[in-house]
Amino acid sequence: MILCEWKPFSTDTETYTLDSFEEMVGDEFEAMMFKDNEDIPTVIWTVNFVIIVKKCSRITNDIYFDKIPRNPVCE
């Protein structure tokens, strides 16, 4: 399911609000995708990046963000 409005989510160590997320990645939120009935998104789109949300561990609910440029400039 793709949402065009922010849906707050939490891990074991942090709660992600729209403001905290945009400050962390340094870009403006556009959309997020959730798979099945997951509470944490799998992909988040910003103006300049596609951010893949990856789990750090199978035991804890911690995540990290893998930022990929949306429109890389090739010279």
N, C-alpha and C. Protein backbone atom coordinates (compact mmCIF):
# COMPACT_ATOMS: atom_id res chain seq x y z
N MET A 1 0.83 -1.16 0.00
CA MET A 1 0.00 0.00 0.00
C MET A 1 0.89 1.24 0.00
N ILE A 2 0.64 2.16 -0.90
CA ILE A 2 1.39 3.41 -0.98
C ILE A 2 0.55 4.53 -0.39
N LEU A 3 1.14 5.26 0.54
CA LEU A 3 0.48 6.40 1.18
C LEU A 3 1.18 7.68 0.78
N CYS A 4 0.40 8.70 0.46
CA CYS A 4 0.97 10.00 0.11
C CYS A 4 0.97 10.95 1.30
N GLU A 5 0.49 10.48 2.44
CA GLU A 5 0.55 11.25 3.67
C GLU A 5 1.35 10.46 4.69
N TRP A 6 2.09 11.17 5.53
CA TRP A 6 2.96 10.54 6.51
C TRP A 6 2.17 9.74 7.52
N LYS A 7 2.63 8.53 7.81
CA LYS A 7 2.06 7.70 8.87
C LYS A 7 3.20 7.44 9.86
N PRO A 8 3.10 7.98 11.07
CA PRO A 8 4.17 7.78 12.06
C PRO A 8 4.40 6.29 12.32
N PHE A 9 5.66 5.93 12.58
CA PHE A 9 6.01 4.55 12.91
C PHE A 9 7.10 4.53 13.94
N SER A 10 7.23 3.41 14.63
CA SER A 10 8.19 3.30 15.73
C SER A 10 9.00 2.02 15.62
N THR A 11 10.22 2.10 16.15
CA THR A 11 11.07 0.94 16.33
C THR A 11 11.24 0.75 17.84
N ASP A 12 12.14 -0.14 18.23
CA ASP A 12 12.39 -0.35 19.66
C ASP A 12 13.03 0.87 20.31
N THR A 13 13.73 1.67 19.51
CA THR A 13 14.49 2.78 20.09
C THR A 13 14.01 4.17 19.69
N GLU A 14 13.15 4.29 18.68
CA GLU A 14 12.79 5.62 18.19
C GLU A 14 11.40 5.63 17.56
N THR A 15 10.75 6.79 17.67
CA THR A 15 9.48 7.04 16.98
C THR A 15 9.77 8.06 15.89
N TYR A 16 9.33 7.76 14.67
CA TYR A 16 9.60 8.62 13.52
C TYR A 16 8.35 9.43 13.17
N THR A 17 8.45 10.74 13.36
CA THR A 17 7.40 11.66 12.93
C THR A 17 7.85 12.28 11.61
N LEU A 18 6.95 12.98 10.95
CA LEU A 18 7.31 13.64 9.69
C LEU A 18 8.47 14.60 9.90
N ASP A 19 8.38 15.43 10.93
CA ASP A 19 9.43 16.42 11.18
C ASP A 19 10.77 15.77 11.50
N SER A 20 10.76 14.74 12.34
CA SER A 20 12.03 14.10 12.70
C SER A 20 12.64 13.38 11.51
N PHE A 21 11.81 12.76 10.68
CA PHE A 21 12.31 12.06 9.50
C PHE A 21 12.93 13.05 8.51
N GLU A 22 12.21 14.14 8.19
CA GLU A 22 12.74 15.12 7.23
C GLU A 22 14.02 15.76 7.73
N GLU A 23 14.12 16.01 9.02
CA GLU A 23 15.36 16.56 9.58
C GLU A 23 16.50 15.55 9.47
N MET A 24 16.21 14.28 9.72
CA MET A 24 17.22 13.23 9.67
C MET A 24 17.78 13.03 8.26
N VAL A 25 16.91 13.00 7.24
CA VAL A 25 17.37 12.73 5.88
C VAL A 25 17.69 14.01 5.10
N GLY A 26 17.28 15.17 5.62
CA GLY A 26 17.59 16.43 4.96
C GLY A 26 16.83 16.63 3.66
N ASP A 27 15.61 16.11 3.59
CA ASP A 27 14.81 16.23 2.37
C ASP A 27 13.33 16.17 2.73
N GLU A 28 12.47 16.56 1.78
CA GLU A 28 11.03 16.63 2.00
C GLU A 28 10.32 15.34 1.59
N PHE A 29 9.50 14.84 2.48
CA PHE A 29 8.73 13.61 2.27
C PHE A 29 7.72 13.76 1.13
N GLU A 30 7.55 12.67 0.34
CA GLU A 30 6.53 12.63 -0.71
C GLU A 30 5.56 11.47 -0.56
N ALA A 31 6.06 10.24 -0.29
CA ALA A 31 5.19 9.06 -0.18
C ALA A 31 5.93 7.96 0.56
N MET A 32 5.16 6.96 1.01
CA MET A 32 5.76 5.80 1.68
C MET A 32 4.97 4.55 1.31
N MET A 33 5.67 3.40 1.31
CA MET A 33 5.03 2.14 0.94
C MET A 33 5.16 1.15 2.10
N PHE A 34 4.03 0.52 2.44
CA PHE A 34 3.98 -0.53 3.44
C PHE A 34 3.63 -1.83 2.75
N LYS A 35 4.28 -2.93 3.13
CA LYS A 35 3.93 -4.25 2.61
C LYS A 35 3.01 -4.96 3.58
N ASP A 36 1.97 -5.59 3.05
CA ASP A 36 1.00 -6.36 3.84
C ASP A 36 0.55 -5.56 5.06
N ASN A 37 0.67 -6.14 6.24
CA ASN A 37 0.24 -5.46 7.46
C ASN A 37 1.42 -5.03 8.32
N GLU A 38 2.53 -4.67 7.68
CA GLU A 38 3.72 -4.24 8.41
C GLU A 38 3.48 -2.86 9.03
N ASP A 39 4.12 -2.62 10.18
CA ASP A 39 4.01 -1.33 10.86
C ASP A 39 5.09 -0.35 10.42
N ILE A 40 6.14 -0.87 9.80
CA ILE A 40 7.27 -0.04 9.36
C ILE A 40 7.29 -0.05 7.83
N PRO A 41 7.44 1.12 7.20
CA PRO A 41 7.44 1.15 5.73
C PRO A 41 8.66 0.45 5.15
N THR A 42 8.54 0.00 3.91
CA THR A 42 9.68 -0.64 3.24
C THR A 42 10.41 0.35 2.33
N VAL A 43 9.67 1.34 1.81
CA VAL A 43 10.26 2.36 0.94
C VAL A 43 9.63 3.70 1.30
N ILE A 44 10.47 4.76 1.30
CA ILE A 44 9.99 6.12 1.50
C ILE A 44 10.56 6.97 0.37
N TRP A 45 9.71 7.73 -0.30
CA TRP A 45 10.15 8.64 -1.36
C TRP A 45 10.21 10.05 -0.81
N THR A 46 11.30 10.75 -1.15
CA THR A 46 11.41 12.17 -0.86
C THR A 46 11.61 12.88 -2.19
N VAL A 47 11.75 14.19 -2.16
CA VAL A 47 11.92 14.95 -3.40
C VAL A 47 13.14 14.47 -4.17
N ASN A 48 14.25 14.20 -3.47
CA ASN A 48 15.50 13.87 -4.15
C ASN A 48 15.98 12.43 -3.97
N PHE A 49 15.32 11.64 -3.11
CA PHE A 49 15.81 10.30 -2.82
C PHE A 49 14.69 9.27 -2.80
N VAL A 50 15.07 8.02 -3.07
CA VAL A 50 14.25 6.86 -2.74
C VAL A 50 14.99 6.23 -1.57
N ILE A 51 14.29 6.05 -0.46
CA ILE A 51 14.93 5.55 0.75
C ILE A 51 14.40 4.16 1.05
N ILE A 52 15.31 3.20 1.03
CA ILE A 52 14.98 1.83 1.35
C ILE A 52 15.13 1.66 2.86
N VAL A 53 14.09 1.20 3.51
CA VAL A 53 14.13 1.00 4.96
C VAL A 53 14.54 -0.46 5.21
N LYS A 54 15.67 -0.64 5.89
CA LYS A 54 16.20 -1.99 6.13
C LYS A 54 16.30 -2.26 7.62
N LYS A 55 16.02 -3.51 7.99
CA LYS A 55 16.16 -3.90 9.38
C LYS A 55 17.61 -4.19 9.70
N CYS A 56 18.04 -3.80 10.90
CA CYS A 56 19.42 -4.03 11.34
C CYS A 56 19.61 -5.43 11.90
N SER A 57 18.54 -5.99 12.45
CA SER A 57 18.66 -7.25 13.17
C SER A 57 17.34 -8.01 13.11
N ARG A 58 17.42 -9.31 13.24
CA ARG A 58 16.19 -10.11 13.31
C ARG A 58 15.62 -10.12 14.71
N ILE A 59 16.46 -9.83 15.68
CA ILE A 59 16.04 -9.89 17.08
C ILE A 59 15.35 -8.60 17.52
N THR A 60 15.95 -7.46 17.18
CA THR A 60 15.37 -6.18 17.57
C THR A 60 14.61 -5.58 16.39
N ASN A 61 13.91 -4.51 16.67
CA ASN A 61 13.09 -3.85 15.66
C ASN A 61 13.79 -2.59 15.14
N ASP A 62 15.13 -2.54 15.17
CA ASP A 62 15.87 -1.37 14.72
C ASP A 62 16.02 -1.38 13.20
N ILE A 63 16.09 -0.17 12.62
CA ILE A 63 16.18 -0.02 11.17
C ILE A 63 17.25 0.99 10.81
N TYR A 64 17.61 1.01 9.53
CA TYR A 64 18.44 2.08 8.99
C TYR A 64 17.91 2.44 7.61
N PHE A 65 18.28 3.63 7.16
CA PHE A 65 17.80 4.15 5.88
C PHE A 65 18.92 4.12 4.85
N ASP A 66 18.66 3.51 3.70
CA ASP A 66 19.60 3.47 2.58
C ASP A 66 19.10 4.46 1.53
N LYS A 67 19.74 5.64 1.45
CA LYS A 67 19.31 6.71 0.55
C LYS A 67 19.89 6.51 -0.85
N ILE A 68 19.02 6.51 -1.86
CA ILE A 68 19.42 6.36 -3.25
C ILE A 68 18.93 7.58 -4.01
N PRO A 69 19.80 8.30 -4.75
CA PRO A 69 19.36 9.47 -5.50
C PRO A 69 18.27 9.11 -6.50
N ARG A 70 17.22 9.93 -6.59
CA ARG A 70 16.12 9.66 -7.52
C ARG A 70 16.50 9.94 -8.96
N ASN A 71 17.20 11.02 -9.18
CA ASN A 71 17.55 11.43 -10.54
C ASN A 71 19.04 11.72 -10.64
N PRO A 72 19.85 10.67 -10.65
CA PRO A 72 21.30 10.91 -10.70
C PRO A 72 21.69 11.60 -12.00
N VAL A 73 22.67 12.47 -11.88
CA VAL A 73 23.17 13.19 -13.05
C VAL A 73 24.32 12.41 -13.65
N CYS A 74 24.20 12.01 -14.89
CA CYS A 74 25.27 11.30 -15.58
C CYS A 74 25.94 12.25 -16.55
N GLU A 75 27.26 12.35 -16.43
CA GLU A 75 28.00 13.26 -17.31
C GLU A 75 28.74 12.52 -18.39
